Structure formats: C-alpha cells, structure tokens
Amino acid sequence: MAEVVGLLLAAGQGRRFGRDKRWATLHEGPMALVAARQLVAACREVIVVVGEGDEALSEAVVAAGCRAIVCVDAAQGMGHSLAAGVRARRDAAGWLVALADMPFVRPETHRVVRDALLAGASVARACHGGRPGHPVGFDARWGDSLAALTGDVGARELVRRAGAARVDCEVPDPGCLRDVDRPADLPVGDVAHIRP
C-alpha cells in the first residue's frame, strides 16, 4: 500500500547563520538530525535530501532511520532539492515536506498534516495562530509538478494553486513557525556548534 513519505530538505548550509547551521547543536543533538528524528516519529519512511560532500550528515541521518539522497544541483535552490526528493519516491501516496532548519516542529504536528493527506486533502499544511508554517504535505496528484521544480522558490506557488483543495491544519505548536536563520534564533544554551 502506498504511503506518505517524509521529505527533509537538508542540502542548504545556511549562509546567514555564519557557518553550516545543520550542525548547530541543540540539547538533543545537531539541528538537522533533530529535525530528521521529529519526522521519523511520524512517517515510516523518511528521505533526507543532502548536497554533494555531505557524507557525515548522510551517515548521521541513515543511523537515525532515514534514507539519504544527494541532490547534485542543490546549490541552485530549494526547488531542486524538493524535486530530487519526490523523484526518489515518485510512487508515494504523498510527501510530507519538512526543513532541516525547523527542528522545533513536534512529531504530533507532522502526524496531523500527514493524517490530513491520508484523509483526502490535496495539499495540507501546519498553521499556528492562523499563520501558515511547516510541514507542508502534497498528495500524489502533485507529483509531476513537484518533480519538475527548480530554483529557490520551492513549492509556494503549488500551495497557492491548491486553493480550496488545501487544508490548513491548526496546531498548538509554535515550532511549526520557527526556523533557525541565525545563532540568535536558538534558545539560550543551544548555541554550541560542532562539525565532524
């Protein structure tokens, strides 16, 4: 039976952070790995999209129960990474798209959006206080469009095109809005940094 596959986009190093933010250490471990674990708690299959030269990150997420794939043109934008992830599992019932720099999204938030897809939503996204956040889920009808994405816009236009077919899932999780762009976005005490 086809299932919703988790996709974690982890190919960008985050230049605004000042160094490779994927390895910024939270209490639970490196940020990208924490985000991967949160998604693994909601999806039986998780694909993590990394860039060329990300062998250490690939090994870490595989050890956490994910499959890592390399997007060779990840530097050209998030759209390329998302397309690569979808193409790696084109036969899925849908894709739950999460970001490596959003490690504060709770597993139950991922499950709510996943379940909305399984219940028939064309597109579903987490919202908190009426504000749209992540993850964003797409059912199989969007496969061709997702697999053809390029550039750095990601799937924003597809979410807009979904219109009334989109389900906004209100969740009591402010983490669905919280990304990490700079060290100041991390909680006090979570600013240590490692890189293998």
C-alpha atoms as a PDB file:
ATOM      1  CA  MET A   1       0.000   0.000   0.000  1.00  0.00           C
ATOM      2  CA  ALA A   2       1.334   3.448  -0.938  1.00  0.00           C
ATOM      3  CA  GLU A   3       2.140   5.746   1.958  1.00  0.00           C
ATOM      4  CA  VAL A   4       3.018   9.329   2.717  1.00  0.00           C
ATOM      5  CA  VAL A   5       6.792   9.694   2.655  1.00  0.00           C
ATOM      6  CA  GLY A   6       8.570  12.261   4.787  1.00  0.00           C
ATOM      7  CA  LEU A   7      10.996  14.525   2.910  1.00  0.00           C
ATOM      8  CA  LEU A   8      13.522  16.522   4.898  1.00  0.00           C
ATOM      9  CA  LEU A   9      15.281  19.192   2.869  1.00  0.00           C
ATOM     10  CA  ALA A  10      18.785  19.411   4.326  1.00  0.00           C
ATOM     11  CA  ALA A  11      21.023  20.419   1.431  1.00  0.00           C
ATOM     12  CA  GLY A  12      21.445  24.100   2.299  1.00  0.00           C
ATOM     13  CA  GLN A  13      24.154  25.164   4.727  1.00  0.00           C
ATOM     14  CA  GLY A  14      22.502  28.461   5.671  1.00  0.00           C
ATOM     15  CA  ARG A  15      24.954  31.257   4.933  1.00  0.00           C
ATOM     16  CA  ARG A  16      23.132  33.781   7.123  1.00  0.00           C
ATOM     17  CA  PHE A  17      23.992  31.618  10.122  1.00  0.00           C
ATOM     18  CA  GLY A  18      27.708  32.271   9.572  1.00  0.00           C
ATOM     19  CA  ARG A  19      28.651  28.593   9.310  1.00  0.00           C
ATOM     20  CA  ASP A  20      26.963  25.264   8.488  1.00  0.00           C
ATOM     21  CA  LYS A  21      23.871  25.595  10.654  1.00  0.00           C
ATOM     22  CA  ARG A  22      22.814  21.993  10.110  1.00  0.00           C
ATOM     23  CA  TRP A  23      25.446  21.092  12.706  1.00  0.00           C
ATOM     24  CA  ALA A  24      24.395  23.739  15.224  1.00  0.00           C
ATOM     25  CA  THR A  25      23.888  21.720  18.396  1.00  0.00           C
ATOM     26  CA  LEU A  26      20.635  21.678  20.295  1.00  0.00           C
ATOM     27  CA  HIS A  27      20.276  19.819  23.590  1.00  0.00           C
ATOM     28  CA  GLU A  28      19.154  16.770  21.582  1.00  0.00           C
ATOM     29  CA  GLY A  29      21.986  16.899  19.037  1.00  0.00           C
ATOM     30  CA  PRO A  30      22.773  18.584  15.694  1.00  0.00           C
ATOM     31  CA  MET A  31      19.844  20.595  14.346  1.00  0.00           C
ATOM     32  CA  ALA A  32      19.388  18.661  11.095  1.00  0.00           C
ATOM     33  CA  LEU A  33      19.437  15.365  12.948  1.00  0.00           C
ATOM     34  CA  VAL A  34      16.850  16.589  15.475  1.00  0.00           C
ATOM     35  CA  ALA A  35      14.583  17.640  12.591  1.00  0.00           C
ATOM     36  CA  ALA A  36      15.046  14.225  10.976  1.00  0.00           C
ATOM     37  CA  ARG A  37      14.112  12.402  14.177  1.00  0.00           C
ATOM     38  CA  GLN A  38      10.954  14.506  14.567  1.00  0.00           C
ATOM     39  CA  LEU A  39       9.895  13.449  11.069  1.00  0.00           C
ATOM     40  CA  VAL A  40      10.819   9.790  11.616  1.00  0.00           C
ATOM     41  CA  ALA A  41       8.418   9.781  14.564  1.00  0.00           C
ATOM     42  CA  ALA A  42       5.568  10.495  12.129  1.00  0.00           C
ATOM     43  CA  CYS A  43       6.496   8.716   8.882  1.00  0.00           C
ATOM     44  CA  ARG A  44       7.589   5.139   8.370  1.00  0.00           C
ATOM     45  CA  GLU A  45       9.812   6.263   5.506  1.00  0.00           C
ATOM     46  CA  VAL A  46      11.856   9.455   5.549  1.00  0.00           C
ATOM     47  CA  ILE A  47      14.132  10.682   2.774  1.00  0.00           C
ATOM     48  CA  VAL A  48      16.702  13.341   3.654  1.00  0.00           C
ATOM     49  CA  VAL A  49      17.960  15.381   0.718  1.00  0.00           C
ATOM     50  CA  VAL A  50      21.585  16.470   1.167  1.00  0.00           C
ATOM     51  CA  GLY A  51      24.133  18.167  -1.049  1.00  0.00           C
ATOM     52  CA  GLU A  52      27.363  16.923  -2.539  1.00  0.00           C
ATOM     53  CA  GLY A  53      30.062  16.406   0.065  1.00  0.00           C
ATOM     54  CA  ASP A  54      27.565  15.846   2.893  1.00  0.00           C
ATOM     55  CA  GLU A  55      28.792  12.351   3.734  1.00  0.00           C
ATOM     56  CA  ALA A  56      28.845  12.934   7.510  1.00  0.00           C
ATOM     57  CA  LEU A  57      25.256  14.197   7.517  1.00  0.00           C
ATOM     58  CA  SER A  58      24.173  11.319   5.303  1.00  0.00           C
ATOM     59  CA  GLU A  59      25.691   8.810   7.716  1.00  0.00           C
ATOM     60  CA  ALA A  60      24.029  10.508  10.701  1.00  0.00           C
ATOM     61  CA  VAL A  61      20.531  10.503   9.225  1.00  0.00           C
ATOM     62  CA  VAL A  62      20.851   6.938   7.961  1.00  0.00           C
ATOM     63  CA  ALA A  63      21.759   5.897  11.506  1.00  0.00           C
ATOM     64  CA  ALA A  64      18.562   7.673  12.630  1.00  0.00           C
ATOM     65  CA  GLY A  65      16.450   5.521  10.314  1.00  0.00           C
ATOM     66  CA  CYS A  66      16.282   7.718   7.208  1.00  0.00           C
ATOM     67  CA  ARG A  67      17.405   7.294   3.632  1.00  0.00           C
ATOM     68  CA  ALA A  68      19.788   9.966   2.357  1.00  0.00           C
ATOM     69  CA  ILE A  69      19.908  11.070  -1.264  1.00  0.00           C
ATOM     70  CA  VAL A  70      22.275  13.575  -2.844  1.00  0.00           C
ATOM     71  CA  CYS A  71      20.916  16.446  -4.917  1.00  0.00           C
ATOM     72  CA  VAL A  72      23.800  17.424  -7.173  1.00  0.00           C
ATOM     73  CA  ASP A  73      22.248  20.776  -8.087  1.00  0.00           C
ATOM     74  CA  ALA A  74      21.083  21.704  -4.585  1.00  0.00           C
ATOM     75  CA  ALA A  75      23.101  24.925  -4.719  1.00  0.00           C
ATOM     76  CA  GLN A  76      20.686  26.191  -7.367  1.00  0.00           C
ATOM     77  CA  GLY A  77      17.821  26.344  -4.893  1.00  0.00           C
ATOM     78  CA  MET A  78      15.339  24.526  -2.708  1.00  0.00           C
ATOM     79  CA  GLY A  79      13.143  23.635  -5.669  1.00  0.00           C
ATOM     80  CA  HIS A  80      15.865  21.341  -6.997  1.00  0.00           C
ATOM     81  CA  SER A  81      16.156  19.571  -3.624  1.00  0.00           C
ATOM     82  CA  LEU A  82      12.415  19.082  -3.303  1.00  0.00           C
ATOM     83  CA  ALA A  83      12.170  17.751  -6.839  1.00  0.00           C
ATOM     84  CA  ALA A  84      15.004  15.293  -6.184  1.00  0.00           C
ATOM     85  CA  GLY A  85      13.293  14.004  -3.064  1.00  0.00           C
ATOM     86  CA  VAL A  86       9.985  13.466  -4.849  1.00  0.00           C
ATOM     87  CA  ARG A  87      11.667  11.748  -7.791  1.00  0.00           C
ATOM     88  CA  ALA A  88      13.387   9.362  -5.351  1.00  0.00           C
ATOM     89  CA  ARG A  89       9.959   8.119  -4.238  1.00  0.00           C
ATOM     90  CA  ARG A  90       7.669   9.028  -7.130  1.00  0.00           C
ATOM     91  CA  ASP A  91       5.242   6.209  -6.325  1.00  0.00           C
ATOM     92  CA  ALA A  92       4.351   7.539  -2.866  1.00  0.00           C
ATOM     93  CA  ALA A  93       0.779   8.406  -1.905  1.00  0.00           C
ATOM     94  CA  GLY A  94       2.087  11.817  -0.915  1.00  0.00           C
ATOM     95  CA  TRP A  95       5.024  13.713   0.527  1.00  0.00           C
ATOM     96  CA  LEU A  96       5.319  15.452   3.870  1.00  0.00           C
ATOM     97  CA  VAL A  97       7.891  18.198   3.336  1.00  0.00           C
ATOM     98  CA  ALA A  98       9.908  19.450   6.313  1.00  0.00           C
ATOM     99  CA  LEU A  99      13.010  21.620   6.627  1.00  0.00           C
ATOM    100  CA  ALA A 100      16.256  20.840   8.416  1.00  0.00           C
ATOM    101  CA  ASP A 101      16.364  24.320   9.946  1.00  0.00           C
ATOM    102  CA  MET A 102      12.989  23.811  11.662  1.00  0.00           C
ATOM    103  CA  PRO A 103      13.897  21.328  14.426  1.00  0.00           C
ATOM    104  CA  PHE A 104      11.220  22.589  16.826  1.00  0.00           C
ATOM    105  CA  VAL A 105       8.275  21.099  14.896  1.00  0.00           C
ATOM    106  CA  ARG A 106       6.737  18.455  17.136  1.00  0.00           C
ATOM    107  CA  PRO A 107       6.144  14.904  15.869  1.00  0.00           C
ATOM    108  CA  GLU A 108       2.410  15.278  16.524  1.00  0.00           C
ATOM    109  CA  THR A 109       2.336  18.256  14.161  1.00  0.00           C
ATOM    110  CA  HIS A 110       3.863  16.129  11.427  1.00  0.00           C
ATOM    111  CA  ARG A 111       1.237  13.469  12.154  1.00  0.00           C
ATOM    112  CA  VAL A 112      -1.666  15.939  11.909  1.00  0.00           C
ATOM    113  CA  VAL A 113      -0.580  17.074   8.450  1.00  0.00           C
ATOM    114  CA  ARG A 114       0.167  13.509   7.345  1.00  0.00           C
ATOM    115  CA  ASP A 115      -3.276  12.393   8.500  1.00  0.00           C
ATOM    116  CA  ALA A 116      -4.935  15.241   6.593  1.00  0.00           C
ATOM    117  CA  LEU A 117      -3.328  13.907   3.419  1.00  0.00           C
ATOM    118  CA  LEU A 118      -4.427  10.374   4.209  1.00  0.00           C
ATOM    119  CA  ALA A 119      -7.964  11.685   4.758  1.00  0.00           C
ATOM    120  CA  GLY A 120      -8.024  13.114   1.237  1.00  0.00           C
ATOM    121  CA  ALA A 121      -6.508  16.576   1.339  1.00  0.00           C
ATOM    122  CA  SER A 122      -4.761  17.588  -1.876  1.00  0.00           C
ATOM    123  CA  VAL A 123      -2.387  19.901   0.000  1.00  0.00           C
ATOM    124  CA  ALA A 124      -2.157  20.246   3.782  1.00  0.00           C
ATOM    125  CA  ARG A 125      -0.026  22.483   5.939  1.00  0.00           C
ATOM    126  CA  ALA A 126       0.508  23.164   9.595  1.00  0.00           C
ATOM    127  CA  CYS A 127      -0.723  26.508  10.908  1.00  0.00           C
ATOM    128  CA  HIS A 128      -0.417  28.123  14.315  1.00  0.00           C
ATOM    129  CA  GLY A 129      -2.480  31.123  15.327  1.00  0.00           C
ATOM    130  CA  GLY A 130      -3.739  31.313  11.761  1.00  0.00           C
ATOM    131  CA  ARG A 131      -0.199  31.654  10.364  1.00  0.00           C
ATOM    132  CA  PRO A 132       0.974  29.039   7.834  1.00  0.00           C
ATOM    133  CA  GLY A 133       4.045  27.017   8.718  1.00  0.00           C
ATOM    134  CA  HIS A 134       5.649  23.607   8.174  1.00  0.00           C
ATOM    135  CA  PRO A 135       5.418  20.807   7.376  1.00  0.00           C
ATOM    136  CA  VAL A 136       3.516  21.036   4.111  1.00  0.00           C
ATOM    137  CA  GLY A 137       2.046  17.903   2.599  1.00  0.00           C
ATOM    138  CA  PHE A 138       1.174  17.131  -1.019  1.00  0.00           C
ATOM    139  CA  ASP A 139      -0.773  14.158  -2.275  1.00  0.00           C
ATOM    140  CA  ALA A 140       0.211  12.126  -5.323  1.00  0.00           C
ATOM    141  CA  ARG A 141      -1.669  14.432  -7.724  1.00  0.00           C
ATOM    142  CA  TRP A 142       1.129  16.967  -7.313  1.00  0.00           C
ATOM    143  CA  GLY A 143       3.930  14.536  -8.127  1.00  0.00           C
ATOM    144  CA  ASP A 144       4.690  15.736 -11.652  1.00  0.00           C
ATOM    145  CA  SER A 145       4.649  19.401 -10.615  1.00  0.00           C
ATOM    146  CA  LEU A 146       6.869  18.754  -7.598  1.00  0.00           C
ATOM    147  CA  ALA A 147       9.310  16.632  -9.589  1.00  0.00           C
ATOM    148  CA  ALA A 148       9.730  19.479 -12.085  1.00  0.00           C
ATOM    149  CA  LEU A 149      10.529  22.217  -9.542  1.00  0.00           C
ATOM    150  CA  THR A 150      13.662  24.315  -9.948  1.00  0.00           C
ATOM    151  CA  GLY A 151      15.069  27.471  -8.408  1.00  0.00           C
ATOM    152  CA  ASP A 152      14.745  28.705  -4.858  1.00  0.00           C
ATOM    153  CA  VAL A 153      11.013  29.304  -4.508  1.00  0.00           C
ATOM    154  CA  GLY A 154      10.198  25.750  -3.514  1.00  0.00           C
ATOM    155  CA  ALA A 155       6.561  24.732  -3.731  1.00  0.00           C
ATOM    156  CA  ARG A 156       4.996  28.033  -2.627  1.00  0.00           C
ATOM    157  CA  GLU A 157       3.220  28.521  -5.960  1.00  0.00           C
ATOM    158  CA  LEU A 158       1.794  24.995  -5.832  1.00  0.00           C
ATOM    159  CA  VAL A 159       0.379  25.654  -2.369  1.00  0.00           C
ATOM    160  CA  ARG A 160      -1.245  28.821  -3.694  1.00  0.00           C
ATOM    161  CA  ARG A 161      -2.672  26.991  -6.711  1.00  0.00           C
ATOM    162  CA  ALA A 162      -4.289  24.384  -4.490  1.00  0.00           C
ATOM    163  CA  GLY A 163      -6.850  26.988  -3.420  1.00  0.00           C
ATOM    164  CA  ALA A 164      -9.892  25.444  -1.753  1.00  0.00           C
ATOM    165  CA  ALA A 165      -8.309  21.983  -2.022  1.00  0.00           C
ATOM    166  CA  ARG A 166      -5.741  22.998   0.599  1.00  0.00           C
ATOM    167  CA  VAL A 167      -6.360  22.053   4.221  1.00  0.00           C
ATOM    168  CA  ASP A 168      -4.846  24.326   6.852  1.00  0.00           C
ATOM    169  CA  CYS A 169      -4.222  22.255   9.982  1.00  0.00           C
ATOM    170  CA  GLU A 170      -4.316  24.476  13.063  1.00  0.00           C
ATOM    171  CA  VAL A 171      -1.935  23.015  15.653  1.00  0.00           C
ATOM    172  CA  PRO A 172      -0.935  24.100  19.186  1.00  0.00           C
ATOM    173  CA  ASP A 173       2.718  24.056  18.146  1.00  0.00           C
ATOM    174  CA  PRO A 174       4.574  27.358  17.709  1.00  0.00           C
ATOM    175  CA  GLY A 175       7.532  25.291  16.490  1.00  0.00           C
ATOM    176  CA  CYS A 176       5.805  24.926  13.114  1.00  0.00           C
ATOM    177  CA  LEU A 177       6.560  28.628  12.511  1.00  0.00           C
ATOM    178  CA  ARG A 178      10.048  28.698  13.941  1.00  0.00           C
ATOM    179  CA  ASP A 179      13.052  28.376  11.669  1.00  0.00           C
ATOM    180  CA  VAL A 180      16.686  28.975  12.513  1.00  0.00           C
ATOM    181  CA  ASP A 181      18.417  31.519  10.304  1.00  0.00           C
ATOM    182  CA  ARG A 182      20.934  32.962  12.780  1.00  0.00           C
ATOM    183  CA  PRO A 183      22.510  31.801  16.062  1.00  0.00           C
ATOM    184  CA  ALA A 184      20.194  34.222  17.909  1.00  0.00           C
ATOM    185  CA  ASP A 185      17.231  32.085  16.752  1.00  0.00           C
ATOM    186  CA  LEU A 186      18.396  29.260  19.004  1.00  0.00           C
ATOM    187  CA  PRO A 187      17.391  29.117  22.678  1.00  0.00           C
ATOM    188  CA  VAL A 188      19.928  30.294  25.228  1.00  0.00           C
ATOM    189  CA  GLY A 189      22.209  27.363  25.926  1.00  0.00           C
ATOM    190  CA  ASP A 190      21.717  25.902  22.441  1.00  0.00           C
ATOM    191  CA  VAL A 191      24.371  27.908  20.653  1.00  0.00           C
ATOM    192  CA  ALA A 192      27.188  25.366  20.738  1.00  0.00           C
ATOM    193  CA  HIS A 193      28.426  24.323  17.341  1.00  0.00           C
ATOM    194  CA  ILE A 194      30.051  21.179  16.074  1.00  0.00           C
ATOM    195  CA  ARG A 195      31.059  19.882  12.723  1.00  0.00           C
ATOM    196  CA  PRO A 196      32.512  16.433  12.128  1.00  0.00           C
END
